[in-house]
Protein backbone atom coordinates (compact mmCIF):
# COMPACT_ATOMS: atom_id res chain seq x y z
CA UNK A 1 0.00 0.00 0.00
CA UNK A 2 1.40 3.38 -0.94
CA UNK A 3 1.94 5.80 1.96
CA UNK A 4 -0.30 8.37 0.31
CA UNK A 5 -3.11 5.85 0.23
CA UNK A 6 -2.59 5.20 3.93
CA UNK A 7 -2.70 8.95 4.60
CA UNK A 8 -5.84 9.24 2.49
CA UNK A 9 -7.48 6.51 4.54
CA UNK A 10 -6.52 8.01 7.90
CA UNK A 11 -6.93 11.77 7.40
CA UNK A 12 -10.71 11.79 6.83
CA UNK A 13 -11.16 10.31 10.30
CA UNK A 14 -9.14 12.90 12.19
CA UNK A 15 -11.45 15.14 14.17
CA UNK A 16 -11.96 16.97 17.40
CA UNK A 17 -14.25 19.90 17.96
CA UNK A 18 -12.24 20.94 21.02
CA UNK A 19 -9.11 21.90 19.10
CA UNK A 20 -9.95 23.92 15.97
CA UNK A 21 -7.28 24.63 13.42
CA UNK A 22 -6.51 28.06 12.05
CA UNK A 23 -6.51 27.82 8.25
CA UNK A 24 -3.16 28.39 6.60
CA UNK A 25 -2.80 31.81 4.99
CA UNK A 26 -2.30 30.61 1.42
CA UNK A 27 -3.59 31.71 -1.94
CA UNK A 28 -6.46 29.90 -3.58
CA UNK A 29 -6.17 28.58 -7.10
CA UNK A 30 -3.81 26.33 -9.03
CA UNK A 31 -1.03 24.66 -7.02
CA UNK A 32 1.72 22.25 -7.99
CA UNK A 33 2.99 19.84 -5.35
CA UNK A 34 5.79 17.33 -5.22
CA UNK A 35 5.39 14.52 -2.72
CA UNK A 36 8.10 12.06 -1.71
CA UNK A 37 7.05 8.95 0.22
CA UNK A 38 8.70 5.90 1.66
CA UNK A 39 7.32 3.07 3.76
CA UNK A 40 8.49 -0.07 5.49
CA UNK A 41 6.66 -3.11 6.77
CA UNK A 42 3.32 -4.54 5.71
CA UNK A 43 0.10 -2.52 5.76
CA UNK A 44 -2.39 -3.33 8.49
CA UNK A 45 -5.21 -5.30 6.95
CA UNK A 46 -8.21 -6.42 9.03
CA UNK A 47 -8.28 -10.14 9.80
CA UNK A 48 -11.61 -10.48 7.96
CA UNK A 49 -10.06 -9.12 4.76
CA UNK A 50 -6.99 -11.35 5.09
CA UNK A 51 -9.24 -14.38 5.57
CA UNK A 52 -10.78 -13.75 2.13
CA UNK A 53 -7.39 -13.99 0.41
CA UNK A 54 -5.98 -17.26 -0.82
CA UNK A 55 -2.39 -17.98 0.25
CA UNK A 56 -1.33 -17.23 -3.35
CA UNK A 57 -3.14 -13.88 -3.37
CA UNK A 58 -1.60 -12.92 -0.05
CA UNK A 59 1.91 -13.88 -1.22
CA UNK A 60 1.44 -11.90 -4.44
CA UNK A 61 0.25 -8.83 -2.50
CA UNK A 62 3.16 -9.04 -0.06
CA UNK A 63 5.68 -9.44 -2.92
CA UNK A 64 4.26 -6.37 -4.69
CA UNK A 65 4.50 -4.28 -1.50
CA UNK A 66 8.09 -5.40 -0.86
CA UNK A 67 9.04 -4.64 -4.48
CA UNK A 68 7.54 -1.14 -4.20
CA UNK A 69 9.37 -0.47 -0.93
CA UNK A 70 12.67 -1.76 -2.38
CA UNK A 71 12.57 1.08 -4.90
CA UNK A 72 13.18 3.51 -2.03
CA UNK A 73 11.60 6.95 -1.79
CA UNK A 74 9.14 7.67 -4.61
CA UNK A 75 8.32 11.20 -5.78
CA UNK A 76 5.24 12.39 -7.61
CA UNK A 77 4.35 15.84 -8.91
CA UNK A 78 0.79 16.92 -9.59
CA UNK A 79 -1.33 20.00 -10.04
CA UNK A 80 -4.51 20.65 -8.08
CA UNK A 81 -7.05 23.41 -7.60
CA UNK A 82 -7.44 24.72 -4.05
CA UNK A 83 -10.81 26.37 -3.34
CA UNK A 84 -11.94 28.10 -0.14
CA UNK A 85 -14.21 25.13 0.66
CA UNK A 86 -11.35 22.65 0.15
CA UNK A 87 -9.02 24.68 2.38
CA UNK A 88 -11.65 24.77 5.13
CA UNK A 89 -12.40 21.05 4.73
CA UNK A 90 -8.71 20.12 4.65
CA UNK A 91 -8.06 21.99 7.90
CA UNK A 92 -11.06 20.31 9.55
CA UNK A 93 -9.93 16.80 8.60
CA UNK A 94 -13.55 15.68 8.39
CA UNK A 95 -14.61 17.27 11.68
CA UNK A 96 -17.51 15.16 12.89
CA UNK A 97 -18.02 12.86 15.80
CA UNK A 98 -18.48 9.66 13.74
CA UNK A 99 -14.87 8.55 13.72
CA UNK A 100 -12.35 6.59 15.69
CA UNK A 101 -9.50 9.08 15.75
CA UNK A 102 -8.31 11.65 18.22
CA UNK A 103 -6.50 14.66 16.86
CA UNK A 104 -4.34 16.82 19.06
CA UNK A 105 -3.42 20.25 17.74
CA UNK A 106 0.08 21.01 18.95
CA UNK A 107 0.39 24.33 17.13
CA UNK A 108 -1.96 26.11 14.76
CA UNK A 109 -1.61 29.50 13.19
CA UNK A 110 -1.71 31.05 9.72
CA UNK A 111 1.81 29.75 8.96
CA UNK A 112 2.26 26.45 10.84
CA UNK A 113 0.11 23.41 11.62
CA UNK A 114 1.50 20.73 13.95
CA UNK A 115 -0.84 17.84 14.69
CA UNK A 116 -0.64 14.47 16.38
CA UNK A 117 -3.27 11.79 15.79
CA UNK A 118 -4.17 8.38 17.17
CA UNK A 119 -6.73 6.13 15.49
CA UNK A 120 -8.11 2.72 16.30
CA UNK A 121 -10.85 0.62 14.81
CA UNK A 122 -11.60 -3.07 14.21
CA UNK A 123 -8.31 -4.33 15.65
CA UNK A 124 -6.23 -1.77 13.78
CA UNK A 125 -4.36 1.22 15.20
CA UNK A 126 -2.49 4.10 13.64
CA UNK A 127 -0.78 7.16 14.97
CA UNK A 128 1.39 9.86 13.64
CA UNK A 129 2.44 13.43 13.34
CA UNK A 130 1.87 16.04 10.68
CA UNK A 131 3.77 19.30 10.19
CA UNK A 132 2.69 21.81 7.56
CA UNK A 133 4.44 25.14 7.10
CA UNK A 134 3.51 28.01 4.79
CA UNK A 135 6.73 29.95 4.18
CA UNK A 136 4.51 32.57 2.55
CA UNK A 137 1.11 32.59 0.83
CA UNK A 138 2.57 30.88 -2.28
CA UNK A 139 4.89 28.21 -0.83
CA UNK A 140 4.07 25.34 1.53
CA UNK A 141 6.05 22.36 2.76
CA UNK A 142 5.41 19.61 5.22
CA UNK A 143 5.95 16.12 6.56
CA UNK A 144 3.64 13.34 7.68
CA UNK A 145 4.83 10.33 9.67
CA UNK A 146 2.48 7.41 10.29
CA UNK A 147 2.87 4.15 12.20
CA UNK A 148 0.04 1.64 11.77
CA UNK A 149 -0.55 -1.89 13.04
CA UNK A 150 -3.24 -4.52 12.69
CA UNK A 151 -3.91 -7.97 11.30
CA UNK A 152 -0.51 -9.11 12.52
CA UNK A 153 1.25 -6.46 10.39
CA UNK A 154 2.82 -3.10 11.06
CA UNK A 155 3.86 -0.35 8.69
CA UNK A 156 5.73 2.92 9.03
CA UNK A 157 5.57 5.61 6.40
CA UNK A 158 7.06 9.03 5.96
CA UNK A 159 5.92 11.57 3.41
CA UNK A 160 7.36 14.99 2.72
CA UNK A 161 6.01 17.53 0.29
CA UNK A 162 6.56 20.95 -1.18
CA UNK A 163 3.89 22.93 -2.98
CA UNK A 164 3.88 26.23 -4.77
CA UNK A 165 1.08 28.40 -6.08
CA UNK A 166 0.89 28.82 -9.85
CA UNK A 167 -2.17 30.93 -10.60
CA UNK A 168 -5.52 32.11 -9.28
CA UNK A 169 -7.07 30.50 -12.38
CA UNK A 170 -7.30 26.71 -12.18
CA UNK A 171 -8.04 26.39 -15.89
CA UNK A 172 -9.08 22.86 -16.83
CA UNK A 173 -8.78 21.72 -13.20
CA UNK A 174 -11.84 23.74 -12.14
CA UNK A 175 -14.58 21.70 -10.57
């Protein structure tokens, strides 16, 4: 499992009404980001899901994960359109009370977000730290470290990213 997929699975569950985040002071519009990720170990997979795999399917999955990890850090660059609603939603990390994660805001202002999170559900647990820093309204960088365990497996992943603003017009990326 790619670290970004793991982050995507965990981040929507981070929530806590008691510790609101201050949105980063960044420009809206077209952004380009470069993300570098690396992971080690096997992803936590619920026992029920593992039970549905044949031994051959499980071996094939594990071999693919090991081959991906053997490549070392992987970088990807993409463009995305940041709207006011997306910025608000991103900073809320799915704020609702229907989740199994606890988010602790360590620092939150218009330039820096430092968060710690712990999640647990169905015999799986994950925890980590996120640091996001806006050097100015057009340049952002950050790191996310996650440790997850479950189904007899554990995985650690580290992702770093840089992003820079390109234009207020998202062009073809408009929603």
